[in-house]
C-alpha cells in the first residue's frame, strides 16, 4: 500500500526542503506545488509586479488534476508520494485543492497523511526573504508573510492521520524524521 503525504504550510515554512529530506526516508517521489503553478505562472508578468489574474488558479488546478490522474492511473500500487500545498484555513480554493489529494489517495487505496507545518511569524519572514526563492517563482515578500501569519491559519481539516508540527526550531532533517515516524504509525 502506498502513502500520500501532504505537507501543508505557508510560503517559507520549508515544505520542499523537508520533502527532500523525507523522500529518502520513506522512498517517495516529491510533487511540489510549484510543479502545478509554475507552468502557468511563467506565462505571466516576468517581474511578478502585476497582480495575478482572477481566474489563474483554476488553470493550476487543472494541471494538478492531470498529474494526480496520471499518478492514479500509472504509478505502482506501493509508490509513495509527497505533495506540498500552501493551504489557508477558510479558503475555498485551498479546501478544493486538499480534496483533490484526498480523492487521489482514496482512488489509489493509499494511506493519506496530511502534515501541517507551522512556524513562528518572524522566523517565517526570515525564511521567506531568501533570494533563492525568487528563482523558483516563490514569494519573497516579508510583509506579506508577516500579514498572512497575523491574519490566517494553515489549513486544518480534521483527519485521522493528521499531524501538526511546529518547525520553528527544528532542522529539516529533524522535521522529516518526525514525519517519517508518524507515517510509520499511520501505515501500521
N, C-alpha and C. Protein backbone atom coordinates (compact mmCIF):
# COMPACT_ATOMS: atom_id res chain seq x y z
N UNK A 1 0.85 -1.18 0.00
CA UNK A 1 0.00 0.00 0.00
C UNK A 1 0.88 1.23 0.00
N UNK A 2 0.58 2.18 -0.86
CA UNK A 2 1.36 3.41 -0.94
C UNK A 2 0.90 4.44 0.08
N UNK A 3 1.69 5.49 0.18
CA UNK A 3 1.42 6.58 1.11
C UNK A 3 1.42 7.90 0.34
N UNK A 4 0.45 8.74 0.64
CA UNK A 4 0.41 10.12 0.15
C UNK A 4 0.61 11.03 1.35
N UNK A 5 1.74 11.72 1.40
CA UNK A 5 1.98 12.70 2.46
C UNK A 5 1.75 14.08 1.85
N UNK A 6 0.91 14.87 2.50
CA UNK A 6 0.64 16.23 2.04
C UNK A 6 1.21 17.19 3.07
N UNK A 7 2.26 17.93 2.69
CA UNK A 7 2.86 18.93 3.56
C UNK A 7 2.17 20.26 3.32
N UNK A 8 1.49 20.74 4.34
CA UNK A 8 0.74 21.99 4.28
C UNK A 8 1.46 23.05 5.08
N UNK A 9 1.59 24.24 4.53
CA UNK A 9 2.22 25.31 5.29
C UNK A 9 2.37 26.57 4.46
N UNK A 10 2.55 27.67 5.14
CA UNK A 10 2.69 28.96 4.48
C UNK A 10 4.02 29.01 3.71
N UNK A 11 4.09 29.86 2.69
CA UNK A 11 5.35 30.02 1.96
C UNK A 11 6.51 30.32 2.91
N UNK A 12 7.62 29.61 2.70
CA UNK A 12 8.81 29.82 3.50
C UNK A 12 8.96 28.87 4.66
N UNK A 13 7.92 28.10 4.97
CA UNK A 13 7.98 27.21 6.13
C UNK A 13 8.98 26.06 5.91
N UNK A 14 9.24 25.73 4.65
CA UNK A 14 10.20 24.66 4.37
C UNK A 14 9.58 23.41 3.80
N UNK A 15 8.44 23.53 3.17
CA UNK A 15 7.75 22.35 2.65
C UNK A 15 8.64 21.54 1.71
N UNK A 16 9.22 22.19 0.71
CA UNK A 16 10.03 21.48 -0.26
C UNK A 16 11.33 20.97 0.37
N UNK A 17 11.94 21.76 1.21
CA UNK A 17 13.18 21.33 1.88
C UNK A 17 12.93 20.10 2.74
N UNK A 18 11.85 20.11 3.50
CA UNK A 18 11.51 18.95 4.33
C UNK A 18 11.13 17.77 3.44
N UNK A 19 10.40 18.03 2.36
CA UNK A 19 10.03 16.95 1.44
C UNK A 19 11.27 16.25 0.89
N UNK A 20 12.30 17.03 0.56
CA UNK A 20 13.54 16.42 0.04
C UNK A 20 14.18 15.51 1.08
N UNK A 21 14.19 15.94 2.32
CA UNK A 21 14.73 15.10 3.40
C UNK A 21 13.87 13.85 3.60
N UNK A 22 12.56 14.04 3.61
CA UNK A 22 11.63 12.95 3.86
C UNK A 22 11.62 11.92 2.73
N UNK A 23 11.81 12.37 1.50
CA UNK A 23 11.70 11.47 0.35
C UNK A 23 12.67 10.29 0.44
N UNK A 24 13.86 10.53 0.95
CA UNK A 24 14.81 9.42 1.07
C UNK A 24 14.47 8.52 2.26
N UNK A 25 13.80 9.06 3.25
CA UNK A 25 13.46 8.26 4.44
C UNK A 25 12.29 7.31 4.19
N UNK A 26 11.38 7.69 3.30
CA UNK A 26 10.22 6.82 3.04
C UNK A 26 10.15 6.39 1.58
N UNK A 27 11.22 6.62 0.84
CA UNK A 27 11.29 6.25 -0.57
C UNK A 27 10.07 6.77 -1.33
N UNK A 28 9.99 8.09 -1.43
CA UNK A 28 8.83 8.72 -2.05
C UNK A 28 9.25 9.71 -3.13
N UNK A 29 8.36 9.92 -4.07
CA UNK A 29 8.55 10.93 -5.10
C UNK A 29 7.93 12.23 -4.61
N UNK A 30 8.62 13.33 -4.86
CA UNK A 30 8.14 14.65 -4.45
C UNK A 30 7.39 15.29 -5.62
N UNK A 31 6.21 15.80 -5.30
CA UNK A 31 5.43 16.57 -6.27
C UNK A 31 5.15 17.92 -5.59
N UNK A 32 5.99 18.89 -5.89
CA UNK A 32 5.90 20.21 -5.26
C UNK A 32 4.78 21.04 -5.89
N UNK A 33 4.13 21.86 -5.09
CA UNK A 33 3.04 22.69 -5.61
C UNK A 33 3.49 23.61 -6.75
N UNK A 34 4.75 23.95 -6.81
CA UNK A 34 5.22 24.80 -7.90
C UNK A 34 5.28 24.05 -9.23
N UNK A 35 5.25 22.73 -9.20
CA UNK A 35 5.15 21.98 -10.44
C UNK A 35 3.83 22.27 -11.12
N UNK A 36 2.78 22.50 -10.33
CA UNK A 36 1.46 22.80 -10.87
C UNK A 36 1.35 24.28 -11.23
N UNK A 37 1.91 25.11 -10.38
CA UNK A 37 1.75 26.56 -10.53
C UNK A 37 2.65 27.16 -11.59
N UNK A 38 3.92 26.79 -11.59
CA UNK A 38 4.89 27.48 -12.43
C UNK A 38 4.67 27.38 -13.94
N UNK A 39 4.17 26.26 -14.48
CA UNK A 39 3.92 26.27 -15.92
C UNK A 39 2.94 27.36 -16.33
N UNK A 40 2.00 27.66 -15.45
CA UNK A 40 1.02 28.71 -15.73
C UNK A 40 1.59 30.08 -15.36
N UNK A 41 2.18 30.20 -14.17
CA UNK A 41 2.69 31.50 -13.71
C UNK A 41 3.82 32.02 -14.59
N UNK A 42 4.60 31.15 -15.19
CA UNK A 42 5.70 31.59 -16.06
C UNK A 42 5.18 32.25 -17.34
N UNK A 43 3.92 32.07 -17.64
CA UNK A 43 3.33 32.70 -18.82
C UNK A 43 2.98 34.16 -18.56
N UNK A 44 3.03 34.57 -17.31
CA UNK A 44 2.58 35.90 -16.92
C UNK A 44 3.73 36.87 -16.75
N UNK A 45 3.47 37.96 -16.10
CA UNK A 45 4.40 39.05 -15.84
C UNK A 45 5.74 38.55 -15.29
N UNK A 46 6.80 38.77 -16.03
CA UNK A 46 8.13 38.30 -15.64
C UNK A 46 8.63 38.88 -14.33
N UNK A 47 8.33 40.15 -14.05
CA UNK A 47 8.87 40.75 -12.83
C UNK A 47 7.98 40.52 -11.61
N UNK A 48 6.90 39.79 -11.79
CA UNK A 48 5.99 39.43 -10.70
C UNK A 48 5.43 40.65 -9.98
N UNK A 49 5.36 41.79 -10.67
CA UNK A 49 4.87 43.01 -10.04
C UNK A 49 3.36 43.17 -10.22
N UNK A 50 2.84 42.69 -11.33
CA UNK A 50 1.40 42.83 -11.58
C UNK A 50 0.61 41.83 -10.75
N UNK A 51 -0.58 42.22 -10.33
CA UNK A 51 -1.43 41.26 -9.61
C UNK A 51 -1.78 40.08 -10.52
N UNK A 52 -1.96 38.92 -9.93
CA UNK A 52 -2.32 37.75 -10.72
C UNK A 52 -3.75 37.87 -11.21
N UNK A 53 -4.02 37.44 -12.44
CA UNK A 53 -5.39 37.46 -12.94
C UNK A 53 -6.31 36.62 -12.06
N UNK A 54 -7.55 37.04 -11.95
CA UNK A 54 -8.50 36.43 -11.03
C UNK A 54 -8.66 34.92 -11.22
N UNK A 55 -8.75 34.43 -12.43
CA UNK A 55 -9.03 33.01 -12.67
C UNK A 55 -7.81 32.12 -12.84
N UNK A 56 -6.62 32.64 -12.57
CA UNK A 56 -5.40 31.89 -12.87
C UNK A 56 -5.30 30.56 -12.13
N UNK A 57 -5.82 30.52 -10.91
CA UNK A 57 -5.67 29.31 -10.08
C UNK A 57 -6.51 28.15 -10.60
N UNK A 58 -7.53 28.44 -11.39
CA UNK A 58 -8.31 27.34 -11.99
C UNK A 58 -7.45 26.58 -13.00
N UNK A 59 -6.54 27.29 -13.67
CA UNK A 59 -5.63 26.62 -14.60
C UNK A 59 -4.62 25.74 -13.86
N UNK A 60 -4.09 26.23 -12.75
CA UNK A 60 -3.14 25.40 -11.99
C UNK A 60 -3.86 24.20 -11.41
N UNK A 61 -5.13 24.34 -11.06
CA UNK A 61 -5.91 23.20 -10.55
C UNK A 61 -6.04 22.12 -11.62
N UNK A 62 -6.18 22.54 -12.87
CA UNK A 62 -6.27 21.57 -13.96
C UNK A 62 -4.95 20.81 -14.13
N UNK A 63 -3.84 21.54 -14.03
CA UNK A 63 -2.53 20.88 -14.12
C UNK A 63 -2.39 19.88 -12.98
N UNK A 64 -2.73 20.29 -11.75
CA UNK A 64 -2.65 19.41 -10.59
C UNK A 64 -3.49 18.15 -10.80
N UNK A 65 -4.72 18.36 -11.30
CA UNK A 65 -5.59 17.20 -11.51
C UNK A 65 -5.02 16.25 -12.55
N UNK A 66 -4.43 16.78 -13.62
CA UNK A 66 -3.82 15.92 -14.64
C UNK A 66 -2.69 15.09 -14.04
N UNK A 67 -1.87 15.71 -13.19
CA UNK A 67 -0.78 14.97 -12.54
C UNK A 67 -1.35 13.89 -11.62
N UNK A 68 -2.34 14.24 -10.83
CA UNK A 68 -2.95 13.25 -9.92
C UNK A 68 -3.62 12.12 -10.69
N UNK A 69 -4.26 12.44 -11.80
CA UNK A 69 -4.87 11.40 -12.63
C UNK A 69 -3.82 10.45 -13.19
N UNK A 70 -2.68 10.99 -13.61
CA UNK A 70 -1.61 10.15 -14.13
C UNK A 70 -1.04 9.26 -13.03
N UNK A 71 -0.91 9.81 -11.82
CA UNK A 71 -0.42 9.01 -10.69
C UNK A 71 -1.38 7.86 -10.41
N UNK A 72 -2.67 8.16 -10.35
CA UNK A 72 -3.63 7.09 -10.03
C UNK A 72 -3.71 6.05 -11.14
N UNK A 73 -3.50 6.47 -12.38
CA UNK A 73 -3.59 5.53 -13.50
C UNK A 73 -2.33 4.71 -13.71
N UNK A 74 -1.15 5.31 -13.46
CA UNK A 74 0.06 4.66 -13.93
C UNK A 74 1.13 4.33 -12.89
N UNK A 75 1.07 4.90 -11.72
CA UNK A 75 2.14 4.59 -10.75
C UNK A 75 1.86 3.26 -10.07
N UNK A 76 2.93 2.62 -9.64
CA UNK A 76 2.80 1.32 -8.98
C UNK A 76 2.00 1.42 -7.69
N UNK A 77 1.34 0.34 -7.30
CA UNK A 77 0.46 0.37 -6.14
C UNK A 77 1.17 0.68 -4.82
N UNK A 78 2.45 0.42 -4.74
CA UNK A 78 3.17 0.69 -3.49
C UNK A 78 3.99 1.98 -3.54
N UNK A 79 3.81 2.75 -4.61
CA UNK A 79 4.56 4.01 -4.75
C UNK A 79 4.11 5.01 -3.68
N UNK A 80 5.08 5.73 -3.14
CA UNK A 80 4.83 6.77 -2.14
C UNK A 80 5.05 8.14 -2.77
N UNK A 81 4.24 9.11 -2.35
CA UNK A 81 4.35 10.46 -2.88
C UNK A 81 4.29 11.47 -1.75
N UNK A 82 5.04 12.55 -1.92
CA UNK A 82 4.99 13.69 -1.01
C UNK A 82 4.56 14.89 -1.84
N UNK A 83 3.47 15.52 -1.42
CA UNK A 83 2.94 16.70 -2.09
C UNK A 83 3.10 17.90 -1.17
N UNK A 84 3.18 19.09 -1.75
CA UNK A 84 3.22 20.31 -0.95
C UNK A 84 2.06 21.21 -1.37
N UNK A 85 1.55 21.95 -0.38
CA UNK A 85 0.41 22.84 -0.64
C UNK A 85 0.40 23.94 0.42
N UNK A 86 0.24 25.17 -0.01
CA UNK A 86 0.19 26.31 0.92
C UNK A 86 -1.26 26.61 1.30
N UNK A 87 -1.95 25.63 1.85
CA UNK A 87 -3.37 25.77 2.16
C UNK A 87 -3.64 26.74 3.30
N UNK A 88 -4.71 27.52 3.14
CA UNK A 88 -5.11 28.51 4.12
C UNK A 88 -6.49 28.14 4.66
N UNK A 89 -6.61 28.15 5.97
CA UNK A 89 -7.88 27.84 6.64
C UNK A 89 -8.96 28.81 6.18
N UNK A 90 -10.14 28.27 5.85
CA UNK A 90 -11.26 29.09 5.44
C UNK A 90 -11.26 29.50 3.98
N UNK A 91 -10.24 29.13 3.23
CA UNK A 91 -10.13 29.49 1.82
C UNK A 91 -10.71 28.35 0.97
N UNK A 92 -11.73 28.64 0.22
CA UNK A 92 -12.43 27.61 -0.56
C UNK A 92 -11.50 26.92 -1.56
N UNK A 93 -10.63 27.68 -2.20
CA UNK A 93 -9.69 27.09 -3.17
C UNK A 93 -8.74 26.12 -2.48
N UNK A 94 -8.28 26.47 -1.29
CA UNK A 94 -7.39 25.58 -0.52
C UNK A 94 -8.10 24.28 -0.17
N UNK A 95 -9.36 24.38 0.18
CA UNK A 95 -10.13 23.18 0.53
C UNK A 95 -10.33 22.30 -0.70
N UNK A 96 -10.63 22.90 -1.84
CA UNK A 96 -10.78 22.12 -3.08
C UNK A 96 -9.48 21.41 -3.44
N UNK A 97 -8.36 22.12 -3.29
CA UNK A 97 -7.05 21.52 -3.57
C UNK A 97 -6.80 20.34 -2.65
N UNK A 98 -7.03 20.53 -1.37
CA UNK A 98 -6.87 19.46 -0.38
C UNK A 98 -7.71 18.25 -0.80
N UNK A 99 -8.93 18.49 -1.22
CA UNK A 99 -9.82 17.40 -1.60
C UNK A 99 -9.30 16.64 -2.82
N UNK A 100 -8.63 17.34 -3.73
CA UNK A 100 -8.03 16.64 -4.88
C UNK A 100 -7.04 15.58 -4.40
N UNK A 101 -6.23 15.92 -3.41
CA UNK A 101 -5.26 14.97 -2.88
C UNK A 101 -5.95 13.81 -2.15
N UNK A 102 -6.96 14.13 -1.36
CA UNK A 102 -7.72 13.09 -0.65
C UNK A 102 -8.33 12.12 -1.65
N UNK A 103 -8.96 12.65 -2.68
CA UNK A 103 -9.61 11.80 -3.68
C UNK A 103 -8.61 10.91 -4.41
N UNK A 104 -7.45 11.46 -4.76
CA UNK A 104 -6.43 10.65 -5.45
C UNK A 104 -5.91 9.54 -4.54
N UNK A 105 -5.70 9.85 -3.27
CA UNK A 105 -5.24 8.83 -2.32
C UNK A 105 -6.29 7.72 -2.20
N UNK A 106 -7.54 8.11 -2.11
CA UNK A 106 -8.63 7.13 -1.99
C UNK A 106 -8.68 6.24 -3.24
N UNK A 107 -8.55 6.85 -4.42
CA UNK A 107 -8.58 6.07 -5.67
C UNK A 107 -7.45 5.06 -5.72
N UNK A 108 -6.33 5.40 -5.12
CA UNK A 108 -5.17 4.50 -5.13
C UNK A 108 -5.15 3.58 -3.92
N UNK A 109 -6.09 3.74 -3.00
CA UNK A 109 -6.10 3.00 -1.74
C UNK A 109 -4.80 3.24 -0.98
N UNK A 110 -4.31 4.48 -1.05
CA UNK A 110 -3.08 4.88 -0.36
C UNK A 110 -3.42 5.46 1.01
N UNK A 111 -2.50 5.33 1.93
CA UNK A 111 -2.64 5.98 3.24
C UNK A 111 -2.40 7.47 3.03
N UNK A 112 -3.35 8.28 3.45
CA UNK A 112 -3.25 9.73 3.29
C UNK A 112 -2.83 10.34 4.62
N UNK A 113 -1.72 11.10 4.61
CA UNK A 113 -1.19 11.70 5.84
C UNK A 113 -0.98 13.21 5.62
N UNK A 114 -1.95 14.03 6.09
CA UNK A 114 -1.75 15.47 6.00
C UNK A 114 -0.89 15.97 7.16
N UNK A 115 0.09 16.79 6.84
CA UNK A 115 1.02 17.31 7.86
C UNK A 115 1.01 18.84 7.78
N UNK A 116 0.55 19.47 8.86
CA UNK A 116 0.56 20.93 8.95
C UNK A 116 1.90 21.37 9.51
N UNK A 117 2.62 22.18 8.76
CA UNK A 117 3.90 22.71 9.19
C UNK A 117 3.70 24.15 9.64
N UNK A 118 3.99 24.42 10.90
CA UNK A 118 3.82 25.74 11.47
C UNK A 118 5.18 26.34 11.77
N UNK A 119 5.25 27.66 11.80
CA UNK A 119 6.50 28.36 12.07
C UNK A 119 6.17 29.73 12.65
N UNK A 120 6.96 30.18 13.62
CA UNK A 120 6.76 31.49 14.23
C UNK A 120 6.87 32.58 13.17
N UNK A 121 6.09 33.63 13.33
CA UNK A 121 5.96 34.71 12.35
C UNK A 121 7.31 35.28 11.90
N UNK A 122 8.18 35.65 12.83
CA UNK A 122 9.45 36.29 12.45
C UNK A 122 10.42 35.31 11.79
N UNK A 123 10.41 34.07 12.24
CA UNK A 123 11.26 33.06 11.58
C UNK A 123 10.75 32.80 10.17
N UNK A 124 9.45 32.75 10.00
CA UNK A 124 8.87 32.55 8.68
C UNK A 124 9.24 33.72 7.75
N UNK A 125 9.18 34.94 8.27
CA UNK A 125 9.57 36.12 7.49
C UNK A 125 11.03 36.05 7.08
N UNK A 126 11.88 35.58 7.99
CA UNK A 126 13.31 35.44 7.68
C UNK A 126 13.50 34.42 6.56
N UNK A 127 12.82 33.31 6.67
CA UNK A 127 12.97 32.24 5.68
C UNK A 127 12.45 32.66 4.31
N UNK A 128 11.31 33.35 4.29
CA UNK A 128 10.70 33.72 3.02
C UNK A 128 11.53 34.76 2.26
N UNK A 129 12.40 35.47 2.96
CA UNK A 129 13.19 36.53 2.32
C UNK A 129 14.39 36.00 1.53
N UNK A 130 14.62 34.73 1.54
CA UNK A 130 15.76 34.15 0.82
C UNK A 130 15.67 34.46 -0.68
N UNK A 131 16.70 35.10 -1.25
CA UNK A 131 16.67 35.45 -2.68
C UNK A 131 16.55 34.23 -3.60
N UNK A 132 17.01 33.07 -3.16
CA UNK A 132 16.94 31.87 -4.00
C UNK A 132 15.49 31.48 -4.30
N UNK A 133 14.57 31.88 -3.44
CA UNK A 133 13.16 31.55 -3.66
C UNK A 133 12.62 32.20 -4.94
N UNK A 134 13.09 33.38 -5.25
CA UNK A 134 12.59 34.11 -6.43
C UNK A 134 12.86 33.35 -7.71
N UNK A 135 13.98 32.63 -7.78
CA UNK A 135 14.33 31.87 -8.98
C UNK A 135 13.29 30.79 -9.30
N UNK A 136 12.57 30.36 -8.28
CA UNK A 136 11.56 29.30 -8.45
C UNK A 136 10.14 29.85 -8.42
N UNK A 137 10.01 31.16 -8.64
CA UNK A 137 8.74 31.87 -8.62
C UNK A 137 8.04 31.76 -7.27
N UNK A 138 8.82 31.66 -6.22
CA UNK A 138 8.28 31.62 -4.86
C UNK A 138 8.31 33.03 -4.28
N UNK A 139 7.34 33.33 -3.46
CA UNK A 139 7.25 34.66 -2.87
C UNK A 139 8.43 34.93 -1.95
N UNK A 140 8.89 36.19 -1.98
CA UNK A 140 9.96 36.64 -1.07
C UNK A 140 9.52 37.88 -0.30
N UNK A 141 8.24 38.16 -0.33
CA UNK A 141 7.68 39.37 0.29
C UNK A 141 7.51 39.18 1.80
N UNK A 142 8.38 39.81 2.57
CA UNK A 142 8.40 39.66 4.03
C UNK A 142 7.13 40.23 4.65
N UNK A 143 6.67 41.38 4.18
CA UNK A 143 5.47 41.99 4.78
C UNK A 143 4.23 41.15 4.52
N UNK A 144 4.13 40.57 3.33
CA UNK A 144 3.00 39.68 3.05
C UNK A 144 3.07 38.46 3.96
N UNK A 145 4.27 37.95 4.18
CA UNK A 145 4.44 36.81 5.08
C UNK A 145 3.98 37.15 6.49
N UNK A 146 4.41 38.30 6.99
CA UNK A 146 4.00 38.71 8.35
C UNK A 146 2.49 38.90 8.43
N UNK A 147 1.93 39.54 7.42
CA UNK A 147 0.49 39.79 7.40
C UNK A 147 -0.29 38.47 7.37
N UNK A 148 0.15 37.53 6.55
CA UNK A 148 -0.50 36.23 6.47
C UNK A 148 -0.44 35.53 7.82
N UNK A 149 0.71 35.59 8.48
CA UNK A 149 0.86 34.95 9.79
C UNK A 149 -0.07 35.55 10.83
N UNK A 150 -0.32 36.86 10.72
CA UNK A 150 -1.22 37.54 11.68
C UNK A 150 -2.68 37.25 11.39
N UNK A 151 -3.04 37.14 10.11
CA UNK A 151 -4.44 37.11 9.73
C UNK A 151 -4.99 35.74 9.35
N UNK A 152 -4.14 34.77 9.14
CA UNK A 152 -4.61 33.48 8.62
C UNK A 152 -4.00 32.32 9.39
N UNK A 153 -4.58 31.16 9.17
CA UNK A 153 -4.08 29.91 9.75
C UNK A 153 -3.82 28.92 8.63
N UNK A 154 -2.87 28.03 8.85
CA UNK A 154 -2.61 26.95 7.90
C UNK A 154 -3.83 26.04 7.90
N UNK A 155 -4.23 25.60 6.72
CA UNK A 155 -5.39 24.74 6.56
C UNK A 155 -5.36 23.60 7.58
N UNK A 156 -6.49 23.40 8.24
CA UNK A 156 -6.59 22.39 9.30
C UNK A 156 -7.91 21.64 9.15
N UNK A 157 -7.90 20.60 8.31
CA UNK A 157 -9.09 19.78 8.11
C UNK A 157 -8.89 18.51 8.93
N UNK A 158 -9.82 18.21 9.82
CA UNK A 158 -9.65 17.01 10.66
C UNK A 158 -9.47 15.75 9.82
N UNK A 159 -8.49 14.96 10.19
CA UNK A 159 -8.22 13.69 9.51
C UNK A 159 -7.56 12.76 10.52
N UNK A 160 -7.90 11.50 10.45
CA UNK A 160 -7.38 10.53 11.40
C UNK A 160 -5.85 10.43 11.42
N UNK A 161 -5.20 10.75 10.31
CA UNK A 161 -3.74 10.65 10.23
C UNK A 161 -3.04 12.00 10.27
N UNK A 162 -3.76 13.05 10.62
CA UNK A 162 -3.19 14.40 10.60
C UNK A 162 -2.10 14.56 11.66
N UNK A 163 -1.10 15.35 11.30
CA UNK A 163 -0.01 15.71 12.21
C UNK A 163 0.21 17.21 12.08
N UNK A 164 0.34 17.88 13.22
CA UNK A 164 0.73 19.29 13.23
C UNK A 164 2.11 19.36 13.84
N UNK A 165 3.03 20.01 13.13
CA UNK A 165 4.42 20.06 13.55
C UNK A 165 4.94 21.49 13.49
N UNK A 166 5.37 22.02 14.63
CA UNK A 166 5.97 23.35 14.66
C UNK A 166 7.44 23.18 14.32
N UNK A 167 7.86 23.74 13.18
CA UNK A 167 9.22 23.55 12.68
C UNK A 167 10.09 24.78 12.92
N UNK A 168 9.62 25.69 13.76
CA UNK A 168 10.36 26.93 14.01
C UNK A 168 11.80 26.65 14.41
N UNK A 169 11.99 25.72 15.33
CA UNK A 169 13.33 25.44 15.85
C UNK A 169 13.83 24.05 15.45
N UNK A 170 13.20 23.46 14.46
CA UNK A 170 13.62 22.12 14.01
C UNK A 170 14.37 22.24 12.69
N UNK A 171 15.37 21.42 12.51
CA UNK A 171 16.06 21.36 11.22
C UNK A 171 15.18 20.56 10.26
N UNK A 172 15.42 20.70 8.96
CA UNK A 172 14.66 19.89 8.00
C UNK A 172 14.80 18.39 8.26
N UNK A 173 15.98 17.94 8.65
CA UNK A 173 16.15 16.51 8.90
C UNK A 173 15.39 16.06 10.15
N UNK A 174 15.35 16.90 11.18
CA UNK A 174 14.56 16.57 12.38
C UNK A 174 13.07 16.54 12.05
N UNK A 175 12.63 17.50 11.25
CA UNK A 175 11.23 17.54 10.84
C UNK A 175 10.88 16.30 10.03
N UNK A 176 11.73 15.94 9.08
CA UNK A 176 11.49 14.77 8.24
C UNK A 176 11.45 13.49 9.07
N UNK A 177 12.33 13.38 10.05
CA UNK A 177 12.34 12.18 10.90
C UNK A 177 11.04 12.07 11.70
N UNK A 178 10.55 13.19 12.21
CA UNK A 178 9.30 13.18 12.97
C UNK A 178 8.13 12.77 12.06
N UNK A 179 8.14 13.25 10.83
CA UNK A 179 7.08 12.89 9.89
C UNK A 179 7.19 11.42 9.50
N UNK A 180 8.41 10.95 9.25
CA UNK A 180 8.62 9.53 8.93
C UNK A 180 8.05 8.64 10.03
N UNK A 181 8.34 8.98 11.28
CA UNK A 181 7.85 8.18 12.40
C UNK A 181 6.32 8.18 12.45
N UNK A 182 5.73 9.35 12.18
CA UNK A 182 4.26 9.44 12.17
C UNK A 182 3.68 8.63 11.02
N UNK A 183 4.29 8.70 9.85
CA UNK A 183 3.82 7.92 8.70
C UNK A 183 3.89 6.43 9.02
N UNK A 184 4.95 6.01 9.66
CA UNK A 184 5.09 4.59 10.03
C UNK A 184 3.95 4.16 10.94
N UNK A 185 3.59 5.00 11.91
CA UNK A 185 2.48 4.66 12.81
C UNK A 185 1.15 4.59 12.06
N UNK A 186 0.97 5.51 11.11
CA UNK A 186 -0.28 5.54 10.34
C UNK A 186 -0.40 4.35 9.39
N UNK A 187 0.73 3.85 8.93
CA UNK A 187 0.76 2.77 7.95
C UNK A 187 0.71 1.39 8.59
N UNK A 188 0.90 1.35 9.91
CA UNK A 188 0.96 0.05 10.60
C UNK A 188 -0.39 -0.62 10.68
